[in-house]
N, C-alpha and C. Protein backbone atom coordinates (compact mmCIF):
# COMPACT_ATOMS: atom_id res chain seq x y z
N MET A 1 20.29 -13.47 12.34
CA MET A 1 19.08 -12.58 11.90
C MET A 1 19.17 -12.33 10.27
N ARG A 2 18.65 -12.64 9.37
CA ARG A 2 18.84 -11.75 7.58
C ARG A 2 17.56 -10.59 8.11
N ARG A 3 18.09 -9.74 7.24
CA ARG A 3 17.33 -8.75 6.93
C ARG A 3 17.18 -8.55 5.26
N THR A 4 15.89 -7.76 4.96
CA THR A 4 16.19 -7.68 3.51
C THR A 4 14.83 -6.39 3.62
N CYS A 5 15.15 -5.92 2.27
CA CYS A 5 14.31 -4.70 2.03
C CYS A 5 12.89 -4.85 1.40
N LEU A 6 11.69 -4.36 1.22
CA LEU A 6 10.32 -4.47 1.03
C LEU A 6 10.06 -2.99 0.70
N ILE A 7 8.70 -2.82 -0.32
CA ILE A 7 8.31 -1.81 -0.54
C ILE A 7 7.02 -1.55 -0.58
N ALA A 8 6.65 -0.70 -0.12
CA ALA A 8 4.82 -0.40 -0.04
C ALA A 8 4.17 0.11 -1.25
N LEU A 9 3.62 -0.43 -1.50
CA LEU A 9 2.94 0.89 -3.16
C LEU A 9 1.98 2.00 -2.57
N GLY A 10 1.99 2.66 -3.56
CA GLY A 10 0.61 4.18 -3.20
C GLY A 10 -0.10 4.22 -4.35
N LEU A 11 -0.98 4.60 -4.19
CA LEU A 11 -1.63 5.15 -5.44
C LEU A 11 -2.52 6.58 -5.63
N ALA A 12 -2.65 7.26 -5.97
CA ALA A 12 -3.53 8.37 -6.20
C ALA A 12 -4.75 8.31 -6.86
N THR A 13 -5.57 8.44 -6.24
CA THR A 13 -7.56 8.52 -6.75
C THR A 13 -8.00 9.90 -6.51
N LEU A 14 -8.87 10.29 -7.77
CA LEU A 14 -9.90 11.57 -6.82
C LEU A 14 -10.80 11.08 -5.65
N CYS A 15 -11.11 11.93 -4.88
CA CYS A 15 -11.97 11.35 -3.70
C CYS A 15 -12.72 12.61 -3.33
N GLY A 16 -13.82 12.50 -2.59
CA GLY A 16 -14.90 13.47 -2.17
C GLY A 16 -15.81 12.84 -1.20
N CYS A 17 -16.48 13.94 -0.95
CA CYS A 17 -17.50 13.77 -0.01
C CYS A 17 -18.92 14.48 -0.01
N GLN A 18 -19.96 13.75 -0.34
CA GLN A 18 -21.40 14.06 -1.04
C GLN A 18 -21.32 15.29 -2.02
N GLY A 19 -20.37 14.53 -3.02
CA GLY A 19 -20.27 15.74 -4.41
C GLY A 19 -18.60 16.53 -3.79
N MET A 20 -18.40 16.64 -3.00
CA MET A 20 -17.03 17.31 -3.04
C MET A 20 -15.87 16.67 -3.64
N GLN A 21 -15.08 17.08 -4.16
CA GLN A 21 -13.79 16.26 -4.79
C GLN A 21 -12.61 16.93 -4.31
N GLY A 22 -11.97 16.45 -4.35
CA GLY A 22 -10.18 16.69 -4.02
C GLY A 22 -9.50 15.85 -4.18
N GLU A 23 -8.43 16.67 -4.87
CA GLU A 23 -7.14 15.21 -5.14
C GLU A 23 -6.40 14.84 -4.24
N SER A 24 -6.16 13.53 -4.19
CA SER A 24 -5.82 12.64 -3.05
C SER A 24 -4.20 13.21 -2.83
N PRO A 25 -3.05 13.12 -1.90
CA PRO A 25 -1.86 13.44 -2.08
C PRO A 25 -1.10 12.68 -3.29
N GLN A 26 -0.45 12.77 -4.11
CA GLN A 26 0.65 11.53 -4.47
C GLN A 26 1.44 11.21 -3.30
N PRO A 27 1.53 9.79 -3.38
CA PRO A 27 2.15 8.99 -2.74
C PRO A 27 3.71 8.95 -3.17
N PRO A 28 4.86 8.45 -2.13
CA PRO A 28 5.83 9.42 -2.26
C PRO A 28 6.51 8.23 -3.40
N PRO A 29 7.40 8.36 -4.40
CA PRO A 29 8.07 7.50 -5.16
C PRO A 29 8.88 6.24 -4.49
N PRO A 30 8.55 4.79 -5.22
CA PRO A 30 8.71 3.65 -4.20
C PRO A 30 9.95 3.60 -4.19
N THR A 31 10.99 4.36 -3.42
CA THR A 31 12.26 4.51 -3.02
C THR A 31 12.86 3.76 -1.46
N ARG A 32 11.83 4.05 -0.88
CA ARG A 32 11.57 4.46 0.17
C ARG A 32 11.79 2.68 1.02
N ALA A 33 13.23 2.25 0.67
CA ALA A 33 13.41 0.51 1.20
C ALA A 33 13.36 0.56 3.01
N GLN A 34 13.09 -0.06 3.24
CA GLN A 34 12.98 -0.51 4.72
C GLN A 34 13.35 -1.84 4.99
N ALA A 35 14.15 -2.07 6.26
CA ALA A 35 14.31 -3.42 6.45
C ALA A 35 13.49 -4.26 7.45
N TYR A 36 13.37 -5.29 7.13
CA TYR A 36 12.62 -6.42 7.61
C TYR A 36 12.98 -7.67 7.83
N GLN A 37 12.65 -8.23 8.83
CA GLN A 37 13.14 -9.54 9.03
C GLN A 37 12.26 -10.90 8.43
N THR A 38 13.01 -11.52 7.19
CA THR A 38 13.00 -12.45 6.73
C THR A 38 12.66 -13.97 7.40
N LEU A 39 12.25 -15.10 6.24
CA LEU A 39 12.52 -16.45 6.89
C LEU A 39 13.55 -16.87 7.14
N PRO A 40 14.00 -17.84 8.24
CA PRO A 40 15.41 -18.17 7.83
C PRO A 40 15.92 -18.81 6.95
N PRO A 41 16.66 -18.91 6.70
CA PRO A 41 17.97 -19.70 5.41
C PRO A 41 16.74 -20.58 5.30
N ASP A 42 16.71 -20.98 3.87
CA ASP A 42 16.08 -22.03 3.42
C ASP A 42 17.45 -23.28 3.25
N ALA A 43 16.94 -24.27 3.84
CA ALA A 43 18.17 -25.12 3.66
C ALA A 43 18.42 -25.43 2.33
N HIS A 44 17.64 -25.56 1.46
CA HIS A 44 17.76 -26.00 -0.10
C HIS A 44 17.96 -24.91 -0.73
N GLY A 45 18.02 -23.46 -0.23
CA GLY A 45 18.22 -22.41 -1.17
C GLY A 45 19.50 -21.15 -0.66
N ASN A 46 19.85 -20.67 -1.28
CA ASN A 46 20.83 -20.10 -1.58
C ASN A 46 20.34 -18.38 -0.69
N THR A 47 19.94 -18.38 0.49
CA THR A 47 19.34 -16.95 0.96
C THR A 47 20.14 -15.56 0.70
N GLN A 48 21.36 -16.04 1.15
CA GLN A 48 22.32 -14.80 0.83
C GLN A 48 22.48 -14.54 -0.37
N PRO A 49 23.05 -14.95 -1.62
CA PRO A 49 22.52 -14.24 -2.81
C PRO A 49 21.31 -13.79 -3.25
N ALA A 50 20.06 -14.77 -2.99
CA ALA A 50 18.90 -13.78 -2.90
C ALA A 50 18.96 -12.54 -2.71
N GLN A 51 19.14 -12.48 -1.40
CA GLN A 51 18.95 -10.89 -0.46
C GLN A 51 19.76 -10.39 -1.54
N GLU A 52 21.10 -10.42 -1.78
CA GLU A 52 21.95 -9.53 -2.31
C GLU A 52 21.28 -8.96 -4.06
N ARG A 53 20.70 -9.95 -4.23
CA ARG A 53 19.75 -9.97 -5.73
C ARG A 53 18.46 -8.71 -5.64
N ASN A 54 17.86 -9.01 -4.67
CA ASN A 54 16.94 -8.35 -3.88
C ASN A 54 17.44 -6.64 -3.58
N GLY A 55 18.58 -6.62 -2.98
CA GLY A 55 18.95 -5.48 -3.03
C GLY A 55 19.45 -4.86 -3.96
N LYS A 56 19.82 -5.56 -4.86
CA LYS A 56 20.24 -4.66 -6.22
C LYS A 56 18.67 -4.32 -6.45
N ALA A 57 17.83 -5.07 -7.00
CA ALA A 57 16.75 -4.45 -7.22
C ALA A 57 15.75 -3.24 -6.76
N VAL A 58 15.86 -3.48 -5.35
CA VAL A 58 15.55 -2.07 -5.12
C VAL A 58 16.09 -0.95 -5.32
N GLU A 59 17.33 -1.16 -5.79
CA GLU A 59 18.14 0.34 -5.92
C GLU A 59 17.51 0.24 -7.34
N LEU A 60 17.49 -0.59 -8.35
CA LEU A 60 16.89 -0.64 -9.66
C LEU A 60 15.11 0.06 -9.69
N ILE A 61 14.69 -0.19 -8.77
CA ILE A 61 13.26 0.10 -8.79
C ILE A 61 12.87 1.85 -8.26
N GLY A 62 13.93 1.91 -7.35
CA GLY A 62 14.24 3.66 -7.23
C GLY A 62 14.61 4.42 -8.22
N ARG A 63 15.31 3.79 -9.19
CA ARG A 63 15.92 4.30 -10.58
C ARG A 63 14.56 4.37 -11.68
N GLY A 64 13.54 3.48 -11.18
CA GLY A 64 12.75 3.65 -12.64
C GLY A 64 12.89 2.17 -13.48
N ASP A 65 13.98 1.54 -13.55
CA ASP A 65 14.73 0.69 -14.11
C ASP A 65 14.02 -0.77 -13.81
N LEU A 66 12.54 -0.88 -14.33
CA LEU A 66 11.80 -1.86 -14.14
C LEU A 66 12.44 -3.34 -14.46
N THR A 67 12.92 -3.20 -16.02
CA THR A 67 13.49 -4.07 -16.42
C THR A 67 14.36 -5.07 -15.85
N GLY A 68 15.60 -4.04 -14.90
CA GLY A 68 16.65 -4.66 -14.66
C GLY A 68 16.19 -5.22 -13.70
N ALA A 69 15.21 -4.64 -12.71
CA ALA A 69 14.77 -5.29 -11.40
C ALA A 69 14.06 -6.13 -11.46
N GLU A 70 13.38 -6.28 -12.75
CA GLU A 70 12.66 -8.18 -13.07
C GLU A 70 13.65 -9.11 -13.26
N LYS A 71 14.95 -8.55 -13.46
CA LYS A 71 16.08 -9.76 -14.23
C LYS A 71 16.28 -10.10 -12.72
N GLU A 72 17.19 -8.82 -11.64
CA GLU A 72 17.37 -9.13 -10.56
C GLU A 72 16.52 -10.02 -9.55
N LEU A 73 15.63 -9.59 -9.75
CA LEU A 73 14.75 -10.54 -8.84
C LEU A 73 14.35 -11.49 -9.16
N LYS A 74 13.83 -12.10 -10.46
CA LYS A 74 13.72 -13.75 -10.89
C LYS A 74 14.99 -14.32 -10.71
N GLU A 75 16.40 -13.82 -10.87
CA GLU A 75 18.03 -14.10 -10.51
C GLU A 75 17.68 -14.57 -8.65
N ALA A 76 17.17 -13.68 -7.88
CA ALA A 76 17.19 -14.07 -6.47
C ALA A 76 16.40 -14.99 -6.31
N LEU A 77 15.00 -15.17 -6.96
CA LEU A 77 14.32 -16.51 -6.70
C LEU A 77 15.08 -18.01 -7.12
N SER A 78 15.54 -17.81 -8.21
CA SER A 78 16.40 -18.57 -8.62
C SER A 78 17.03 -19.46 -7.79
N GLN A 79 17.73 -18.64 -6.77
CA GLN A 79 18.72 -18.57 -5.91
C GLN A 79 17.77 -19.31 -4.43
N ASP A 80 16.80 -18.65 -4.35
CA ASP A 80 15.79 -18.98 -3.39
C ASP A 80 14.12 -18.70 -3.46
N LEU A 81 13.62 -19.58 -3.79
CA LEU A 81 12.49 -19.43 -4.42
C LEU A 81 11.70 -19.23 -3.52
N PHE A 82 11.99 -19.16 -2.03
CA PHE A 82 10.98 -18.91 -0.64
C PHE A 82 11.37 -17.82 0.03
N PHE A 83 12.03 -16.80 -0.88
CA PHE A 83 12.61 -15.57 0.00
C PHE A 83 11.63 -14.21 -0.87
N GLY A 84 10.40 -14.51 0.51
CA GLY A 84 9.52 -13.57 0.21
C GLY A 84 10.09 -12.29 -0.32
N PRO A 85 10.64 -11.46 0.36
CA PRO A 85 10.87 -9.77 -0.01
C PRO A 85 10.79 -10.02 -1.62
N ALA A 86 11.54 -11.02 -2.11
CA ALA A 86 11.56 -10.97 -3.69
C ALA A 86 10.48 -11.07 -4.21
N HIS A 87 9.49 -11.95 -3.73
CA HIS A 87 8.40 -11.97 -4.54
C HIS A 87 7.46 -10.60 -4.01
N ASN A 88 7.23 -9.99 -2.91
CA ASN A 88 6.58 -8.74 -2.95
C ASN A 88 6.91 -7.93 -3.59
N ASN A 89 8.48 -7.60 -4.08
CA ASN A 89 8.90 -6.08 -5.08
C ASN A 89 8.85 -6.66 -6.47
N LEU A 90 8.84 -8.26 -6.65
CA LEU A 90 8.63 -8.49 -8.10
C LEU A 90 7.17 -8.14 -8.56
N GLY A 91 6.40 -8.31 -7.67
CA GLY A 91 4.66 -8.03 -7.57
C GLY A 91 4.92 -6.42 -7.86
N LEU A 92 5.45 -5.70 -6.83
CA LEU A 92 5.81 -4.46 -7.10
C LEU A 92 6.20 -4.04 -8.65
N VAL A 93 6.96 -4.99 -9.41
CA VAL A 93 7.07 -4.74 -10.62
C VAL A 93 6.16 -4.41 -11.48
N TYR A 94 5.62 -5.56 -11.41
CA TYR A 94 4.52 -6.32 -12.35
C TYR A 94 3.47 -5.00 -12.05
N PHE A 95 3.09 -4.63 -10.69
CA PHE A 95 2.00 -3.46 -10.95
C PHE A 95 2.36 -1.91 -11.30
N ARG A 96 3.55 -1.98 -11.39
CA ARG A 96 3.88 -0.58 -11.88
C ARG A 96 3.59 -0.94 -13.76
N GLN A 97 4.06 -2.22 -14.05
CA GLN A 97 3.88 -2.66 -15.50
C GLN A 97 2.29 -2.48 -16.02
N ASN A 98 1.40 -2.48 -15.07
CA ASN A 98 -0.03 -2.90 -15.00
C ASN A 98 -0.17 -4.28 -15.36
N LYS A 99 0.54 -5.43 -14.91
CA LYS A 99 0.68 -6.54 -15.03
C LYS A 99 -0.10 -7.23 -14.03
N TYR A 100 -1.30 -6.84 -13.90
CA TYR A 100 -1.90 -6.92 -12.21
C TYR A 100 -1.99 -8.42 -11.82
N TYR A 101 -2.64 -9.40 -12.82
CA TYR A 101 -2.98 -10.78 -12.51
C TYR A 101 -1.26 -11.08 -12.15
N LEU A 102 -0.11 -10.76 -12.32
CA LEU A 102 0.87 -11.51 -12.47
C LEU A 102 1.60 -10.72 -11.09
N ALA A 103 1.24 -9.58 -10.63
CA ALA A 103 1.53 -8.92 -9.06
C ALA A 103 0.53 -9.66 -8.44
N ALA A 104 -0.66 -9.57 -8.59
CA ALA A 104 -1.67 -10.42 -7.39
C ALA A 104 -0.70 -11.84 -6.92
N TRP A 105 -0.62 -12.46 -8.45
CA TRP A 105 0.42 -13.86 -7.60
C TRP A 105 1.00 -13.81 -6.83
N GLU A 106 2.18 -12.80 -7.35
CA GLU A 106 3.50 -12.60 -6.56
C GLU A 106 3.24 -12.18 -4.74
N PHE A 107 2.19 -11.30 -4.72
CA PHE A 107 1.51 -10.44 -3.48
C PHE A 107 1.30 -11.66 -2.67
N GLN A 108 0.37 -12.82 -3.28
CA GLN A 108 -0.03 -13.71 -2.60
C GLN A 108 0.94 -14.86 -1.98
N TYR A 109 1.97 -14.56 -3.15
CA TYR A 109 3.19 -15.63 -2.63
C TYR A 109 3.72 -15.32 -1.20
N ALA A 110 4.08 -14.03 -1.70
CA ALA A 110 4.76 -13.05 -0.53
C ALA A 110 3.87 -13.26 0.81
N ALA A 111 2.73 -12.82 0.77
CA ALA A 111 1.89 -13.13 2.06
C ALA A 111 1.83 -14.44 2.49
N LYS A 112 2.11 -15.42 1.65
CA LYS A 112 2.09 -16.69 2.69
C LYS A 112 3.80 -17.00 3.23
N LEU A 113 4.74 -16.17 2.70
CA LEU A 113 5.70 -16.52 3.35
C LEU A 113 6.37 -15.72 4.00
N MET A 114 5.49 -14.35 4.38
CA MET A 114 5.66 -13.49 5.42
C MET A 114 4.32 -13.37 5.89
N PRO A 115 3.61 -14.27 6.81
CA PRO A 115 2.14 -13.95 7.20
C PRO A 115 1.88 -12.88 8.15
N ASN A 116 3.38 -12.39 8.66
CA ASN A 116 2.73 -10.86 9.82
C ASN A 116 3.37 -9.93 9.49
N LYS A 117 3.47 -9.83 8.14
CA LYS A 117 3.86 -8.51 7.55
C LYS A 117 2.59 -8.06 6.72
N SER A 118 2.44 -6.77 6.75
CA SER A 118 1.29 -5.94 6.23
C SER A 118 1.53 -5.58 4.81
N GLU A 119 2.72 -5.68 4.20
CA GLU A 119 2.38 -5.18 3.20
C GLU A 119 1.90 -5.85 1.86
N PRO A 120 2.53 -7.00 1.67
CA PRO A 120 2.04 -8.14 0.77
C PRO A 120 0.50 -8.02 0.78
N ALA A 121 -0.29 -7.87 1.77
CA ALA A 121 -1.82 -7.80 1.73
C ALA A 121 -1.98 -6.01 1.40
N ASN A 122 -1.79 -5.00 2.00
CA ASN A 122 -1.74 -3.38 1.58
C ASN A 122 -1.45 -3.92 -0.07
N ASN A 123 -0.54 -4.47 -0.64
CA ASN A 123 -0.40 -4.18 -2.02
C ASN A 123 -1.44 -4.90 -2.91
N LEU A 124 -1.95 -5.95 -2.11
CA LEU A 124 -3.11 -6.75 -2.98
C LEU A 124 -4.21 -5.78 -2.97
N GLY A 125 -4.22 -5.08 -2.07
CA GLY A 125 -5.11 -4.06 -2.14
C GLY A 125 -5.27 -3.22 -3.06
N MET A 126 -4.12 -2.79 -3.40
CA MET A 126 -3.77 -2.09 -4.53
C MET A 126 -3.92 -2.63 -5.58
N VAL A 127 -3.94 -4.12 -6.02
CA VAL A 127 -4.38 -4.73 -7.04
C VAL A 127 -5.68 -4.43 -7.42
N TYR A 128 -6.65 -4.89 -6.70
CA TYR A 128 -7.85 -4.79 -6.74
C TYR A 128 -8.61 -3.61 -6.60
N GLU A 129 -7.64 -2.59 -6.12
CA GLU A 129 -8.33 -0.93 -6.50
C GLU A 129 -8.00 -0.70 -7.88
N ALA A 130 -7.02 -1.08 -8.22
CA ALA A 130 -6.45 -1.04 -9.71
C ALA A 130 -7.63 -1.47 -10.64
N VAL A 131 -8.03 -2.71 -10.32
CA VAL A 131 -8.98 -3.36 -11.64
C VAL A 131 -10.37 -3.19 -11.57
N GLY A 132 -10.57 -2.29 -10.03
CA GLY A 132 -12.43 -1.75 -10.19
C GLY A 132 -12.71 -2.93 -8.92
N LYS A 133 -12.11 -3.56 -8.26
CA LYS A 133 -13.14 -4.17 -6.78
C LYS A 133 -12.74 -3.61 -5.36
N PRO A 134 -13.59 -2.72 -5.22
CA PRO A 134 -13.45 -1.93 -4.01
C PRO A 134 -13.62 -2.85 -2.69
N ASP A 135 -14.49 -3.67 -2.97
CA ASP A 135 -15.06 -4.67 -1.83
C ASP A 135 -13.43 -5.50 -1.63
N ASP A 136 -13.16 -5.97 -2.70
CA ASP A 136 -11.79 -6.78 -2.43
C ASP A 136 -11.17 -5.93 -1.93
N ALA A 137 -10.56 -5.00 -2.41
CA ALA A 137 -9.67 -3.99 -1.72
C ALA A 137 -9.32 -3.34 -0.65
N THR A 138 -10.77 -3.23 0.00
CA THR A 138 -11.00 -3.21 1.10
C THR A 138 -10.66 -3.99 2.35
N LYS A 139 -11.05 -5.58 1.71
CA LYS A 139 -11.06 -6.51 2.62
C LYS A 139 -9.42 -6.75 3.05
N TYR A 140 -8.49 -6.26 1.86
CA TYR A 140 -7.18 -6.46 2.13
C TYR A 140 -6.49 -5.11 2.52
N TYR A 141 -6.80 -4.41 2.69
CA TYR A 141 -6.50 -3.10 3.48
C TYR A 141 -6.84 -3.48 4.90
N GLU A 142 -7.96 -3.78 5.29
CA GLU A 142 -8.16 -4.38 6.46
C GLU A 142 -7.27 -5.03 7.22
N THR A 143 -7.03 -6.20 6.21
CA THR A 143 -5.65 -7.35 7.00
C THR A 143 -4.85 -6.59 6.96
N ALA A 144 -4.77 -5.74 5.99
CA ALA A 144 -2.95 -5.37 6.33
C ALA A 144 -2.90 -4.47 7.60
N LEU A 145 -4.23 -3.50 8.35
CA LEU A 145 -4.24 -3.04 9.40
C LEU A 145 -4.26 -4.13 10.60
N LYS A 146 -4.72 -5.40 10.15
CA LYS A 146 -5.16 -5.87 11.64
C LYS A 146 -3.26 -6.65 11.82
N LEU A 147 -2.70 -7.04 10.79
CA LEU A 147 -1.37 -7.07 11.02
C LEU A 147 -0.41 -6.47 11.78
N GLU A 148 -0.68 -4.89 11.38
CA GLU A 148 0.25 -4.03 11.56
C GLU A 148 -0.89 -2.63 11.97
N PRO A 149 -1.50 -2.15 13.11
CA PRO A 149 -2.37 -1.28 12.90
C PRO A 149 -1.96 0.14 13.02
N GLU A 150 -0.77 0.14 12.74
CA GLU A 150 -0.56 1.59 12.51
C GLU A 150 0.50 1.49 11.31
N SER A 151 0.27 0.96 10.40
CA SER A 151 0.87 1.07 9.04
C SER A 151 0.08 1.98 8.16
N ALA A 152 1.25 3.21 7.85
CA ALA A 152 0.52 4.64 7.67
C ALA A 152 -0.12 3.99 6.11
N GLU A 153 0.89 3.20 5.30
CA GLU A 153 0.22 3.02 3.76
C GLU A 153 -0.92 2.48 3.74
N ALA A 154 -1.54 1.46 4.92
CA ALA A 154 -2.71 0.96 4.73
C ALA A 154 -3.89 1.95 5.25
N ILE A 155 -3.33 2.70 6.25
CA ILE A 155 -4.28 3.13 6.66
C ILE A 155 -4.70 4.19 5.79
N GLY A 156 -3.65 5.18 5.01
CA GLY A 156 -4.00 6.05 3.67
C GLY A 156 -4.95 5.74 2.98
N ASN A 157 -4.41 4.05 2.35
CA ASN A 157 -5.02 3.58 1.03
C ASN A 157 -6.54 3.31 1.35
N LEU A 158 -6.94 2.93 3.02
CA LEU A 158 -8.23 2.63 3.02
C LEU A 158 -8.81 3.86 3.18
N ALA A 159 -8.53 4.58 4.45
CA ALA A 159 -9.33 6.15 3.67
C ALA A 159 -9.38 7.09 2.71
N ARG A 160 -8.51 6.92 1.64
CA ARG A 160 -8.67 7.39 0.26
C ARG A 160 -9.78 6.56 -0.23
N LEU A 161 -9.68 5.43 -0.07
CA LEU A 161 -10.79 4.71 -0.88
C LEU A 161 -11.97 5.09 -0.64
N TYR A 162 -12.34 4.78 1.07
CA TYR A 162 -13.37 5.25 1.40
C TYR A 162 -13.96 6.85 1.22
N VAL A 163 -13.21 7.79 1.19
CA VAL A 163 -13.49 9.20 0.63
C VAL A 163 -13.87 9.15 -0.83
N GLY A 164 -13.11 8.29 -1.51
CA GLY A 164 -13.35 8.31 -2.89
C GLY A 164 -15.02 7.83 -3.24
N GLU A 165 -14.93 6.84 -2.57
CA GLU A 165 -16.82 6.60 -2.50
C GLU A 165 -17.83 7.00 -1.50
N ASN A 166 -17.09 8.40 -1.70
CA ASN A 166 -18.32 9.42 -0.95
C ASN A 166 -18.57 8.97 0.40
N ARG A 167 -17.65 7.99 1.29
CA ARG A 167 -18.58 7.85 2.59
C ARG A 167 -17.80 8.92 3.81
N CYS A 168 -18.70 9.09 4.28
CA CYS A 168 -18.46 9.75 5.51
C CYS A 168 -19.19 9.77 6.94
N ASP A 169 -18.84 8.55 6.93
CA ASP A 169 -18.95 7.97 8.02
C ASP A 169 -18.03 7.78 9.51
N THR A 170 -18.33 7.03 10.51
CA THR A 170 -17.79 7.31 11.59
C THR A 170 -16.21 6.82 10.94
N ARG A 171 -16.41 5.79 10.70
CA ARG A 171 -14.86 4.95 10.23
C ARG A 171 -13.96 5.54 9.42
N THR A 172 -14.70 6.19 8.45
CA THR A 172 -13.56 7.14 7.59
C THR A 172 -13.26 8.15 8.48
N ARG A 173 -13.84 8.95 9.32
CA ARG A 173 -13.38 9.94 10.20
C ARG A 173 -11.90 9.43 10.86
N GLU A 174 -12.30 8.30 11.34
CA GLU A 174 -11.24 7.34 12.38
C GLU A 174 -10.14 7.66 11.65
N LEU A 175 -9.80 6.98 10.50
CA LEU A 175 -8.94 7.05 9.55
C LEU A 175 -8.32 8.18 9.58
N LEU A 176 -9.05 9.14 8.99
CA LEU A 176 -8.41 10.31 8.01
C LEU A 176 -8.06 11.13 9.63
N SER A 177 -8.51 10.80 10.98
CA SER A 177 -7.85 11.29 12.22
C SER A 177 -6.45 10.79 12.51
N GLU A 178 -6.59 9.31 11.84
CA GLU A 178 -4.94 8.45 11.96
C GLU A 178 -4.02 9.39 11.42
N ILE A 179 -4.41 9.57 10.28
CA ILE A 179 -3.67 10.37 8.75
C ILE A 179 -3.10 11.85 9.76
N VAL A 180 -4.27 12.69 10.18
CA VAL A 180 -3.90 13.73 10.83
C VAL A 180 -2.68 13.63 12.02
N PHE A 181 -2.95 12.79 12.96
CA PHE A 181 -2.25 12.64 14.08
C PHE A 181 -1.11 11.77 13.93
N ARG A 182 -0.94 10.77 13.22
CA ARG A 182 0.23 9.98 12.82
C ARG A 182 1.00 9.88 11.71
N ASP A 183 0.69 10.29 10.51
CA ASP A 183 1.26 10.13 9.35
C ASP A 183 2.42 10.88 9.39
N LEU A 184 3.69 10.57 9.20
CA LEU A 184 4.61 11.48 9.10
C LEU A 184 4.72 12.03 7.60
N ARG A 185 3.86 11.97 6.79
CA ARG A 185 3.83 12.57 5.35
C ARG A 185 3.35 13.56 5.04
N PRO A 186 3.86 15.26 5.16
CA PRO A 186 2.94 16.62 4.93
C PRO A 186 1.77 16.25 4.06
N ASP A 187 2.20 15.92 2.88
CA ASP A 187 0.99 15.95 1.89
C ASP A 187 -0.18 14.89 2.01
N TRP A 188 -0.06 13.93 2.66
CA TRP A 188 -1.39 13.17 3.40
C TRP A 188 -1.84 13.70 4.24
N VAL A 189 -1.02 14.37 5.36
CA VAL A 189 -1.87 14.79 6.84
C VAL A 189 -2.77 16.32 6.08
N ALA A 190 -2.13 16.86 5.18
CA ALA A 190 -2.65 18.08 4.62
C ALA A 190 -4.13 17.70 3.96
N TRP A 191 -3.78 16.55 3.46
CA TRP A 191 -5.13 15.91 2.37
C TRP A 191 -6.37 15.58 3.43
N ALA A 192 -5.69 14.91 4.80
CA ALA A 192 -6.68 14.63 5.64
C ALA A 192 -7.43 15.64 6.60
N ARG A 193 -6.63 16.55 6.57
CA ARG A 193 -7.00 17.73 7.34
C ARG A 193 -8.36 18.49 6.16
N GLU A 194 -7.92 18.47 5.31
CA GLU A 194 -9.11 19.14 4.19
C GLU A 194 -10.46 18.12 4.03
N ARG A 195 -10.18 17.14 3.79
CA ARG A 195 -11.36 16.11 3.77
C ARG A 195 -12.18 16.24 5.33
N LEU A 196 -11.53 16.32 6.26
CA LEU A 196 -12.02 16.07 7.68
C LEU A 196 -12.75 17.71 7.90
N ALA A 197 -12.30 18.69 7.36
CA ALA A 197 -12.95 19.85 7.29
C ALA A 197 -14.23 20.05 6.40
N LEU A 198 -14.33 19.62 4.98
CA LEU A 198 -15.12 19.20 4.46
C LEU A 198 -16.21 18.96 4.64
N MET A 199 -15.95 17.40 5.38
CA MET A 199 -16.88 16.71 6.36
C MET A 199 -17.47 17.65 7.24
N ARG A 200 -17.01 17.95 7.73
CA ARG A 200 -17.45 19.33 9.02
C ARG A 200 -18.27 20.27 8.52
N LYS A 201 -18.13 20.90 7.02
CA LYS A 201 -18.29 22.32 6.55
C LYS A 201 -20.15 21.06 5.99
N ALA A 202 -19.89 20.21 5.49
CA ALA A 202 -21.24 19.44 4.74
C ALA A 202 -22.28 19.01 6.02
N GLU A 203 -21.69 18.74 7.27
CA GLU A 203 -22.74 18.45 8.30
C GLU A 203 -23.37 19.79 8.75
N THR A 204 -22.47 20.98 8.45
CA THR A 204 -23.00 22.06 9.28
C THR A 204 -24.22 22.81 8.28
N THR A 205 -23.81 22.31 7.19
CA THR A 205 -24.67 22.77 5.72
C THR A 205 -26.13 21.96 6.25
N GLU A 206 -26.24 20.90 6.12
CA GLU A 206 -27.15 19.67 6.48
C GLU A 206 -28.06 20.44 7.60
N THR A 207 -27.17 20.85 8.69
CA THR A 207 -27.74 21.11 10.10
C THR A 207 -28.76 22.09 9.76
N ARG A 208 -28.23 22.91 9.33
CA ARG A 208 -28.80 24.23 8.90
C ARG A 208 -29.80 24.28 8.25
N VAL A 209 -30.12 23.33 6.95
CA VAL A 209 -30.86 23.24 6.39
C VAL A 209 -32.03 22.40 6.91
N GLU A 210 -32.08 21.62 7.93
CA GLU A 210 -32.78 20.79 8.20
C GLU A 210 -33.55 21.38 9.13
N LYS A 211 -32.96 22.79 10.16
CA LYS A 211 -33.71 23.59 10.94
C LYS A 211 -34.31 24.66 10.39
N SER A 212 -33.86 25.00 9.43
CA SER A 212 -34.80 25.72 8.68
C SER A 212 -36.11 25.50 7.80
N GLN A 213 -36.31 23.93 7.47
CA GLN A 213 -37.31 23.30 7.07
C GLN A 213 -38.89 23.36 8.10
């Protein structure tokens, strides 16, 4: 079994509910590489060299050397074009360089090669959110959650997107509650608690106004 590294994206925006604004937590820097099972070795490719190049690229991304990482990832794909993690990480490099079209292409390729992994779908959501297409972003975040319902990144991104749209519905509350009870990132937990508290405060105020009328 061959294993390799993928990185999930994060993005911070301003968000609020019914006019109440609050800054979402800063996502951790993309150095938190995780091990995932990838495709079986390609009969026409050199998977092991591609895996090694991808590992070097992950380290370079963690150090902020996007140029070096891009070079390593292209070398990896020249060894094995169907090595999904390298496509996902190359998409990350392009995303961080604001090359959104290229990033989307790489994430889409990665999604086809790794249909059971949530990261490429979540990352596509990040691209669409960055270019101002929240409906498409929502679709991909939801797809990521269907693939891995406990994905902290997808839950956090979708919750942040909904709060930024001033949504205070049941779905938004459920996502925020998931962050509070399941997420291991303290800044995200604190942010979700604050959002839920503001929603409850807004509801209480509305209720009092209605009763006084």
